[in-house]
Amino acid sequence: MAKQSEDAVELEQQLAEAVAEIESLQSAAADAEARAATVQAELVEVREAYVDARAELADVEQTRAELTETQSRLREAAVRYRAAKLHGAPEVPEGLVRAGESLDEIDAEFEAAQRVVSQLREKMQEERESPRIPVGSPQRRAPDVFGLSATEKIRLGIEERDRR
């Protein structure tokens, strides 16, 4: 019986060790399942964030496209505005008003061009009103032909014609 009781004790120890090992494995499995559940929950959150980010990116792309279209329209409007301003003031040369990105730039360029045109007008008016012959220069007169004979007058006329 002693052998049976030693075998029984040994079996009980092995059984206790197996039970402890089973409990340890069950605990490890429970931990692994809990971590897996946590990771799966995080994965669901990441997927939701990814879907949200994709939706936001699509919104950003749409906004960017709208912005590009709006900028294009603004440039076209600025070109038309410049053309209308120049059409309304034909005295302003087109080259003096550069095409700008904004209406304010075009207005500033147009005002500067109008000042240039005004200054040129004033200068041209001054030149028109100023005497054409410099002061102190002798007046040019036709040669006095009163005392010349007819032959001399003809010769003088031919010389003058040849000089031209």
N, C-alpha and C. Protein backbone atom coordinates (compact mmCIF):
# COMPACT_ATOMS: atom_id res chain seq x y z
N MET A 1 0.78 -1.17 0.00
CA MET A 1 0.00 0.00 0.00
C MET A 1 0.85 1.26 0.00
N ALA A 2 1.97 1.10 0.50
CA ALA A 2 2.85 2.23 0.52
C ALA A 2 3.18 2.68 -0.90
N LYS A 3 3.30 1.67 -1.76
CA LYS A 3 3.60 2.01 -3.13
C LYS A 3 2.41 2.70 -3.75
N GLN A 4 1.24 2.26 -3.41
CA GLN A 4 0.05 2.89 -3.96
C GLN A 4 -0.06 4.30 -3.42
N SER A 5 0.21 4.54 -2.21
CA SER A 5 0.07 5.86 -1.66
C SER A 5 1.15 6.78 -2.23
N GLU A 6 2.38 6.23 -2.49
CA GLU A 6 3.40 7.06 -3.12
C GLU A 6 2.98 7.41 -4.54
N ASP A 7 2.42 6.40 -5.21
CA ASP A 7 1.95 6.66 -6.58
C ASP A 7 0.79 7.66 -6.56
N ALA A 8 -0.08 7.52 -5.56
CA ALA A 8 -1.22 8.42 -5.46
C ALA A 8 -0.73 9.82 -5.15
N VAL A 9 0.27 9.97 -4.28
CA VAL A 9 0.81 11.29 -3.91
C VAL A 9 1.47 11.90 -5.15
N GLU A 10 2.23 11.05 -5.85
CA GLU A 10 2.90 11.53 -7.06
C GLU A 10 1.88 11.95 -8.10
N LEU A 11 0.82 11.17 -8.25
CA LEU A 11 -0.24 11.51 -9.20
C LEU A 11 -0.95 12.79 -8.77
N GLU A 12 -1.19 12.92 -7.48
CA GLU A 12 -1.84 14.13 -6.99
C GLU A 12 -0.96 15.35 -7.25
N GLN A 13 0.37 15.20 -7.08
CA GLN A 13 1.29 16.31 -7.35
C GLN A 13 1.25 16.65 -8.84
N GLN A 14 1.30 15.62 -9.64
CA GLN A 14 1.26 15.86 -11.09
C GLN A 14 -0.07 16.52 -11.48
N LEU A 15 -1.15 16.02 -10.82
CA LEU A 15 -2.46 16.60 -11.10
C LEU A 15 -2.49 18.07 -10.65
N ALA A 16 -1.92 18.36 -9.50
CA ALA A 16 -1.89 19.73 -8.99
C ALA A 16 -1.07 20.61 -9.92
N GLU A 17 0.07 20.06 -10.39
CA GLU A 17 0.91 20.82 -11.32
C GLU A 17 0.16 21.06 -12.63
N ALA A 18 -0.55 20.03 -13.10
CA ALA A 18 -1.30 20.16 -14.35
C ALA A 18 -2.42 21.18 -14.18
N VAL A 19 -3.10 21.13 -13.01
CA VAL A 19 -4.18 22.09 -12.75
C VAL A 19 -3.60 23.50 -12.69
N ALA A 20 -2.45 23.66 -12.04
CA ALA A 20 -1.80 24.98 -11.95
C ALA A 20 -1.40 25.47 -13.35
N GLU A 21 -0.87 24.53 -14.13
CA GLU A 21 -0.48 24.89 -15.49
C GLU A 21 -1.70 25.26 -16.33
N ILE A 22 -2.79 24.52 -16.16
CA ILE A 22 -4.03 24.81 -16.88
C ILE A 22 -4.55 26.20 -16.48
N GLU A 23 -4.52 26.46 -15.15
CA GLU A 23 -4.97 27.77 -14.68
C GLU A 23 -4.08 28.89 -15.23
N SER A 24 -2.79 28.64 -15.26
CA SER A 24 -1.84 29.62 -15.81
C SER A 24 -2.12 29.86 -17.29
N LEU A 25 -2.35 28.76 -18.03
CA LEU A 25 -2.66 28.88 -19.46
C LEU A 25 -4.00 29.59 -19.67
N GLN A 26 -4.98 29.27 -18.80
CA GLN A 26 -6.27 29.94 -18.91
C GLN A 26 -6.11 31.44 -18.65
N SER A 27 -5.30 31.79 -17.67
CA SER A 27 -5.05 33.20 -17.35
C SER A 27 -4.36 33.89 -18.53
N ALA A 28 -3.36 33.21 -19.11
CA ALA A 28 -2.64 33.77 -20.27
C ALA A 28 -3.60 33.91 -21.45
N ALA A 29 -4.47 32.93 -21.65
CA ALA A 29 -5.43 32.99 -22.74
C ALA A 29 -6.41 34.14 -22.51
N ALA A 30 -6.84 34.32 -21.26
CA ALA A 30 -7.75 35.41 -20.95
C ALA A 30 -7.07 36.76 -21.20
N ASP A 31 -5.79 36.85 -20.79
CA ASP A 31 -5.03 38.09 -21.06
C ASP A 31 -4.91 38.34 -22.56
N ALA A 32 -4.60 37.29 -23.30
CA ALA A 32 -4.46 37.41 -24.75
C ALA A 32 -5.79 37.82 -25.38
N GLU A 33 -6.89 37.23 -24.90
CA GLU A 33 -8.20 37.60 -25.43
C GLU A 33 -8.52 39.06 -25.09
N ALA A 34 -8.16 39.51 -23.89
CA ALA A 34 -8.41 40.90 -23.49
C ALA A 34 -7.58 41.84 -24.36
N ARG A 35 -6.31 41.50 -24.58
CA ARG A 35 -5.45 42.33 -25.44
C ARG A 35 -5.98 42.35 -26.86
N ALA A 36 -6.43 41.19 -27.34
CA ALA A 36 -6.99 41.11 -28.69
C ALA A 36 -8.24 41.97 -28.80
N ALA A 37 -9.08 41.93 -27.77
CA ALA A 37 -10.28 42.75 -27.78
C ALA A 37 -9.91 44.24 -27.77
N THR A 38 -8.90 44.60 -26.97
CA THR A 38 -8.43 45.99 -26.93
C THR A 38 -7.88 46.42 -28.29
N VAL A 39 -7.06 45.55 -28.88
CA VAL A 39 -6.48 45.85 -30.19
C VAL A 39 -7.58 45.97 -31.23
N GLN A 40 -8.58 45.08 -31.14
CA GLN A 40 -9.68 45.16 -32.11
C GLN A 40 -10.48 46.45 -31.92
N ALA A 41 -10.68 46.87 -30.69
CA ALA A 41 -11.38 48.12 -30.44
C ALA A 41 -10.56 49.30 -30.98
N GLU A 42 -9.24 49.26 -30.75
CA GLU A 42 -8.37 50.31 -31.30
C GLU A 42 -8.39 50.30 -32.82
N LEU A 43 -8.42 49.10 -33.39
CA LEU A 43 -8.46 48.98 -34.85
C LEU A 43 -9.75 49.59 -35.39
N VAL A 44 -10.86 49.35 -34.71
CA VAL A 44 -12.14 49.95 -35.13
C VAL A 44 -12.03 51.47 -35.05
N GLU A 45 -11.44 52.00 -33.96
CA GLU A 45 -11.27 53.45 -33.83
C GLU A 45 -10.37 54.00 -34.94
N VAL A 46 -9.29 53.29 -35.25
CA VAL A 46 -8.37 53.73 -36.30
C VAL A 46 -9.08 53.72 -37.65
N ARG A 47 -9.86 52.68 -37.89
CA ARG A 47 -10.60 52.62 -39.16
C ARG A 47 -11.59 53.78 -39.27
N GLU A 48 -12.29 54.07 -38.17
CA GLU A 48 -13.23 55.19 -38.17
C GLU A 48 -12.48 56.51 -38.40
N ALA A 49 -11.32 56.67 -37.75
CA ALA A 49 -10.52 57.88 -37.94
C ALA A 49 -10.03 57.97 -39.39
N TYR A 50 -9.67 56.84 -39.96
CA TYR A 50 -9.23 56.79 -41.36
C TYR A 50 -10.36 57.23 -42.29
N VAL A 51 -11.57 56.70 -42.04
CA VAL A 51 -12.72 57.07 -42.87
C VAL A 51 -13.01 58.57 -42.72
N ASP A 52 -12.94 59.06 -41.48
CA ASP A 52 -13.16 60.50 -41.25
C ASP A 52 -12.10 61.34 -41.96
N ALA A 53 -10.84 60.89 -41.87
CA ALA A 53 -9.75 61.62 -42.51
C ALA A 53 -9.92 61.63 -44.02
N ARG A 54 -10.33 60.51 -44.58
CA ARG A 54 -10.57 60.45 -46.04
C ARG A 54 -11.69 61.42 -46.44
N ALA A 55 -12.75 61.48 -45.61
CA ALA A 55 -13.85 62.40 -45.89
C ALA A 55 -13.37 63.85 -45.81
N GLU A 56 -12.56 64.16 -44.79
CA GLU A 56 -12.01 65.50 -44.66
C GLU A 56 -11.09 65.83 -45.83
N LEU A 57 -10.30 64.87 -46.25
CA LEU A 57 -9.41 65.07 -47.39
C LEU A 57 -10.22 65.35 -48.66
N ALA A 58 -11.31 64.63 -48.83
CA ALA A 58 -12.18 64.88 -49.99
C ALA A 58 -12.75 66.30 -49.91
N ASP A 59 -13.14 66.73 -48.70
CA ASP A 59 -13.64 68.10 -48.53
C ASP A 59 -12.55 69.12 -48.85
N VAL A 60 -11.34 68.84 -48.39
CA VAL A 60 -10.22 69.75 -48.66
C VAL A 60 -9.95 69.83 -50.16
N GLU A 61 -9.96 68.70 -50.83
CA GLU A 61 -9.74 68.67 -52.28
C GLU A 61 -10.83 69.45 -53.01
N GLN A 62 -12.06 69.29 -52.57
CA GLN A 62 -13.16 70.03 -53.19
C GLN A 62 -13.00 71.53 -52.94
N THR A 63 -12.62 71.90 -51.72
CA THR A 63 -12.40 73.30 -51.39
C THR A 63 -11.24 73.86 -52.22
N ARG A 64 -10.19 73.08 -52.38
CA ARG A 64 -9.05 73.51 -53.19
C ARG A 64 -9.47 73.73 -54.64
N ALA A 65 -10.28 72.83 -55.17
CA ALA A 65 -10.76 72.98 -56.55
C ALA A 65 -11.63 74.23 -56.67
N GLU A 66 -12.48 74.47 -55.69
CA GLU A 66 -13.32 75.67 -55.70
C GLU A 66 -12.46 76.92 -55.61
N LEU A 67 -11.42 76.88 -54.78
CA LEU A 67 -10.52 78.02 -54.65
C LEU A 67 -9.79 78.30 -55.96
N THR A 68 -9.33 77.26 -56.62
CA THR A 68 -8.64 77.42 -57.90
C THR A 68 -9.59 78.03 -58.93
N GLU A 69 -10.82 77.55 -58.96
CA GLU A 69 -11.81 78.08 -59.89
C GLU A 69 -12.12 79.54 -59.57
N THR A 70 -12.24 79.87 -58.29
CA THR A 70 -12.52 81.24 -57.88
C THR A 70 -11.36 82.16 -58.25
N GLN A 71 -10.12 81.69 -58.05
CA GLN A 71 -8.96 82.50 -58.43
C GLN A 71 -8.93 82.73 -59.93
N SER A 72 -9.27 81.71 -60.68
CA SER A 72 -9.31 81.85 -62.14
C SER A 72 -10.36 82.88 -62.55
N ARG A 73 -11.52 82.81 -61.94
CA ARG A 73 -12.58 83.78 -62.23
C ARG A 73 -12.16 85.19 -61.85
N LEU A 74 -11.46 85.31 -60.73
CA LEU A 74 -10.99 86.62 -60.29
C LEU A 74 -9.99 87.19 -61.29
N ARG A 75 -9.08 86.36 -61.80
CA ARG A 75 -8.12 86.84 -62.80
C ARG A 75 -8.86 87.28 -64.07
N GLU A 76 -9.85 86.49 -64.49
CA GLU A 76 -10.63 86.85 -65.68
C GLU A 76 -11.38 88.16 -65.45
N ALA A 77 -11.95 88.32 -64.26
CA ALA A 77 -12.67 89.55 -63.94
C ALA A 77 -11.71 90.74 -63.93
N ALA A 78 -10.50 90.53 -63.42
CA ALA A 78 -9.51 91.61 -63.39
C ALA A 78 -9.13 92.01 -64.81
N VAL A 79 -8.98 91.03 -65.70
CA VAL A 79 -8.65 91.33 -67.10
C VAL A 79 -9.79 92.12 -67.75
N ARG A 80 -11.02 91.70 -67.51
CA ARG A 80 -12.18 92.42 -68.08
C ARG A 80 -12.30 93.82 -67.48
N TYR A 81 -12.03 93.95 -66.19
CA TYR A 81 -12.09 95.25 -65.53
C TYR A 81 -11.04 96.19 -66.13
N ARG A 82 -9.83 95.70 -66.34
CA ARG A 82 -8.76 96.49 -66.95
C ARG A 82 -9.17 96.95 -68.35
N ALA A 83 -9.72 96.01 -69.13
CA ALA A 83 -10.15 96.35 -70.49
C ALA A 83 -11.24 97.41 -70.46
N ALA A 84 -12.18 97.30 -69.53
CA ALA A 84 -13.26 98.28 -69.42
C ALA A 84 -12.71 99.65 -69.03
N LYS A 85 -11.77 99.68 -68.09
CA LYS A 85 -11.17 100.95 -67.67
C LYS A 85 -10.45 101.59 -68.85
N LEU A 86 -9.70 100.79 -69.61
CA LEU A 86 -8.96 101.33 -70.75
C LEU A 86 -9.91 101.78 -71.85
N HIS A 87 -10.98 101.06 -72.03
CA HIS A 87 -11.97 101.44 -73.05
C HIS A 87 -12.63 102.76 -72.67
N GLY A 88 -12.84 102.98 -71.39
CA GLY A 88 -13.46 104.20 -70.92
C GLY A 88 -12.53 105.41 -70.98
N ALA A 89 -11.23 105.17 -71.10
CA ALA A 89 -10.26 106.27 -71.18
C ALA A 89 -9.31 105.99 -72.34
N PRO A 90 -9.74 106.27 -73.56
CA PRO A 90 -8.92 105.92 -74.72
C PRO A 90 -7.60 106.69 -74.79
N GLU A 91 -7.47 107.78 -74.03
CA GLU A 91 -6.22 108.53 -74.04
C GLU A 91 -5.10 107.83 -73.28
N VAL A 92 -5.45 106.84 -72.47
CA VAL A 92 -4.45 106.10 -71.69
C VAL A 92 -3.96 104.92 -72.52
N PRO A 93 -2.66 104.88 -72.84
CA PRO A 93 -2.13 103.76 -73.61
C PRO A 93 -2.22 102.46 -72.81
N GLU A 94 -2.51 101.39 -73.51
CA GLU A 94 -2.70 100.08 -72.88
C GLU A 94 -1.45 99.61 -72.15
N GLY A 95 -0.28 99.94 -72.70
CA GLY A 95 0.98 99.49 -72.13
C GLY A 95 1.30 100.10 -70.78
N LEU A 96 0.65 101.21 -70.44
CA LEU A 96 0.92 101.85 -69.15
C LEU A 96 0.17 101.20 -68.00
N VAL A 97 -0.82 100.38 -68.31
CA VAL A 97 -1.61 99.72 -67.25
C VAL A 97 -1.36 98.22 -67.35
N ARG A 98 -0.50 97.74 -66.44
CA ARG A 98 -0.21 96.31 -66.44
C ARG A 98 -1.40 95.53 -65.90
N ALA A 99 -1.51 94.30 -66.35
CA ALA A 99 -2.58 93.43 -65.84
C ALA A 99 -2.21 93.05 -64.41
N GLY A 100 -3.14 93.24 -63.48
CA GLY A 100 -2.89 92.92 -62.09
C GLY A 100 -3.76 91.77 -61.62
N GLU A 101 -3.45 91.29 -60.44
CA GLU A 101 -4.21 90.19 -59.85
C GLU A 101 -5.48 90.70 -59.17
N SER A 102 -5.44 91.96 -58.72
CA SER A 102 -6.61 92.47 -58.01
C SER A 102 -7.06 93.77 -58.64
N LEU A 103 -8.28 94.15 -58.33
CA LEU A 103 -8.84 95.38 -58.86
C LEU A 103 -8.10 96.60 -58.30
N ASP A 104 -7.65 96.50 -57.05
CA ASP A 104 -6.90 97.61 -56.45
C ASP A 104 -5.60 97.86 -57.20
N GLU A 105 -4.90 96.79 -57.58
CA GLU A 105 -3.66 96.94 -58.35
C GLU A 105 -3.94 97.61 -59.69
N ILE A 106 -5.00 97.21 -60.34
CA ILE A 106 -5.35 97.78 -61.64
C ILE A 106 -5.71 99.26 -61.47
N ASP A 107 -6.47 99.58 -60.42
CA ASP A 107 -6.83 100.98 -60.16
C ASP A 107 -5.57 101.83 -59.94
N ALA A 108 -4.63 101.31 -59.16
CA ALA A 108 -3.39 102.05 -58.90
C ALA A 108 -2.60 102.27 -60.19
N GLU A 109 -2.49 101.23 -61.01
CA GLU A 109 -1.79 101.33 -62.29
C GLU A 109 -2.50 102.34 -63.20
N PHE A 110 -3.81 102.30 -63.22
CA PHE A 110 -4.59 103.18 -64.07
C PHE A 110 -4.41 104.64 -63.65
N GLU A 111 -4.44 104.90 -62.33
CA GLU A 111 -4.25 106.26 -61.83
C GLU A 111 -2.86 106.78 -62.18
N ALA A 112 -1.86 105.92 -62.05
CA ALA A 112 -0.49 106.32 -62.41
C ALA A 112 -0.41 106.63 -63.91
N ALA A 113 -1.06 105.84 -64.73
CA ALA A 113 -1.07 106.07 -66.17
C ALA A 113 -1.77 107.38 -66.51
N GLN A 114 -2.86 107.66 -65.82
CA GLN A 114 -3.57 108.91 -66.06
C GLN A 114 -2.69 110.11 -65.68
N ARG A 115 -1.92 109.99 -64.59
CA ARG A 115 -1.00 111.08 -64.21
C ARG A 115 0.05 111.29 -65.29
N VAL A 116 0.59 110.20 -65.84
CA VAL A 116 1.59 110.30 -66.91
C VAL A 116 0.98 110.99 -68.13
N VAL A 117 -0.22 110.57 -68.52
CA VAL A 117 -0.88 111.17 -69.68
C VAL A 117 -1.14 112.65 -69.42
N SER A 118 -1.57 113.00 -68.22
CA SER A 118 -1.83 114.39 -67.88
C SER A 118 -0.55 115.22 -67.95
N GLN A 119 0.55 114.68 -67.43
CA GLN A 119 1.83 115.39 -67.49
C GLN A 119 2.29 115.58 -68.93
N LEU A 120 2.12 114.55 -69.75
CA LEU A 120 2.50 114.68 -71.16
C LEU A 120 1.65 115.73 -71.86
N ARG A 121 0.37 115.76 -71.57
CA ARG A 121 -0.52 116.77 -72.16
C ARG A 121 -0.06 118.18 -71.79
N GLU A 122 0.24 118.36 -70.50
CA GLU A 122 0.69 119.67 -70.05
C GLU A 122 1.99 120.07 -70.75
N LYS A 123 2.91 119.14 -70.85
CA LYS A 123 4.19 119.42 -71.50
C LYS A 123 3.98 119.75 -72.98
N MET A 124 3.11 119.00 -73.67
CA MET A 124 2.83 119.28 -75.08
C MET A 124 2.16 120.64 -75.24
N GLN A 125 1.27 120.99 -74.33
CA GLN A 125 0.60 122.28 -74.38
C GLN A 125 1.62 123.40 -74.19
N GLU A 126 2.55 123.22 -73.25
CA GLU A 126 3.59 124.21 -73.03
C GLU A 126 4.44 124.38 -74.28
N GLU A 127 4.77 123.26 -74.94
CA GLU A 127 5.58 123.33 -76.15
C GLU A 127 4.82 124.04 -77.26
N ARG A 128 3.53 123.81 -77.37
CA ARG A 128 2.73 124.48 -78.39
C ARG A 128 2.67 125.98 -78.15
N GLU A 129 2.58 126.35 -76.89
CA GLU A 129 2.46 127.77 -76.55
C GLU A 129 3.79 128.49 -76.56
N SER A 130 4.89 127.79 -76.45
CA SER A 130 6.20 128.44 -76.42
C SER A 130 6.58 128.87 -77.83
N PRO A 131 7.39 129.96 -77.95
CA PRO A 131 7.78 130.41 -79.28
C PRO A 131 8.66 129.36 -79.96
N ARG A 132 8.47 129.25 -81.26
CA ARG A 132 9.20 128.22 -82.00
C ARG A 132 10.60 128.69 -82.38
N ILE A 133 10.79 129.94 -82.49
CA ILE A 133 12.10 130.47 -82.86
C ILE A 133 12.80 130.87 -81.58
N PRO A 134 13.98 130.36 -81.35
CA PRO A 134 14.68 130.72 -80.12
C PRO A 134 14.96 132.23 -80.10
N VAL A 135 14.93 132.79 -78.92
CA VAL A 135 15.16 134.21 -78.75
C VAL A 135 16.58 134.54 -79.20
N GLY A 136 16.73 135.63 -79.95
CA GLY A 136 18.05 136.06 -80.40
C GLY A 136 18.43 135.55 -81.76
N SER A 137 17.70 134.62 -82.32
CA SER A 137 18.01 134.13 -83.65
C SER A 137 17.43 135.08 -84.67
N PRO A 138 18.14 135.28 -85.77
CA PRO A 138 17.58 136.16 -86.79
C PRO A 138 16.41 135.48 -87.46
N GLN A 139 15.46 136.30 -87.89
CA GLN A 139 14.31 135.76 -88.60
C GLN A 139 14.74 135.36 -90.00
N ARG A 140 14.20 134.30 -90.46
CA ARG A 140 14.51 133.88 -91.82
C ARG A 140 13.58 134.60 -92.78
N ARG A 141 14.20 135.18 -93.80
CA ARG A 141 13.40 135.89 -94.79
C ARG A 141 13.80 135.39 -96.16
N ALA A 142 12.90 135.53 -97.04
CA ALA A 142 13.20 135.20 -98.43
C ALA A 142 14.16 136.27 -98.97
N PRO A 143 15.05 135.88 -99.88
CA PRO A 143 15.98 136.88 -100.42
C PRO A 143 15.22 137.99 -101.15
N ASP A 144 15.73 139.14 -101.04
CA ASP A 144 15.09 140.30 -101.67
C ASP A 144 15.39 140.27 -103.17
N VAL A 145 14.38 140.04 -103.96
CA VAL A 145 14.53 139.91 -105.41
C VAL A 145 14.00 141.13 -106.14
N PHE A 146 13.70 142.19 -105.40
CA PHE A 146 13.07 143.37 -106.01
C PHE A 146 13.98 144.03 -107.04
N GLY A 147 15.25 144.09 -106.76
CA GLY A 147 16.13 144.82 -107.67
C GLY A 147 16.80 143.94 -108.69
N LEU A 148 16.45 142.62 -108.76
CA LEU A 148 17.10 141.71 -109.70
C LEU A 148 16.40 141.74 -111.04
N SER A 149 17.20 141.41 -112.07
CA SER A 149 16.62 141.31 -113.41
C SER A 149 15.88 140.00 -113.55
N ALA A 150 15.15 139.83 -114.59
CA ALA A 150 14.36 138.63 -114.83
C ALA A 150 15.27 137.42 -114.94
N THR A 151 16.42 137.52 -115.60
CA THR A 151 17.35 136.40 -115.76
C THR A 151 17.91 135.99 -114.41
N GLU A 152 18.24 136.96 -113.60
CA GLU A 152 18.80 136.65 -112.27
C GLU A 152 17.73 135.99 -111.39
N LYS A 153 16.49 136.46 -111.53
CA LYS A 153 15.40 135.87 -110.75
C LYS A 153 15.19 134.41 -111.16
N ILE A 154 15.28 134.12 -112.46
CA ILE A 154 15.11 132.74 -112.94
C ILE A 154 16.25 131.88 -112.42
N ARG A 155 17.48 132.36 -112.54
CA ARG A 155 18.63 131.59 -112.07
C ARG A 155 18.49 131.33 -110.56
N LEU A 156 18.08 132.30 -109.81
CA LEU A 156 17.90 132.15 -108.37
C LEU A 156 16.82 131.10 -108.07
N GLY A 157 15.74 131.09 -108.81
CA GLY A 157 14.67 130.10 -108.63
C GLY A 157 15.14 128.69 -108.94
N ILE A 158 15.98 128.54 -110.02
CA ILE A 158 16.51 127.21 -110.39
C ILE A 158 17.45 126.72 -109.31
N GLU A 159 18.29 127.58 -108.78
CA GLU A 159 19.22 127.18 -107.70
C GLU A 159 18.44 126.72 -106.46
N GLU A 160 17.42 127.45 -106.14
CA GLU A 160 16.62 127.12 -104.97
C GLU A 160 15.92 125.77 -105.18
N ARG A 161 15.41 125.53 -106.36
CA ARG A 161 14.77 124.25 -106.69
C ARG A 161 15.77 123.11 -106.60
N ASP A 162 17.00 123.30 -107.07
CA ASP A 162 18.02 122.25 -107.04
C ASP A 162 18.46 121.94 -105.62
N ARG A 163 18.42 122.92 -104.73
CA ARG A 163 18.81 122.69 -103.34
C ARG A 163 17.80 121.80 -102.62
N ARG A 164 16.61 121.80 -103.06
CA ARG A 164 15.57 121.01 -102.42
C ARG A 164 15.64 119.62 -102.89
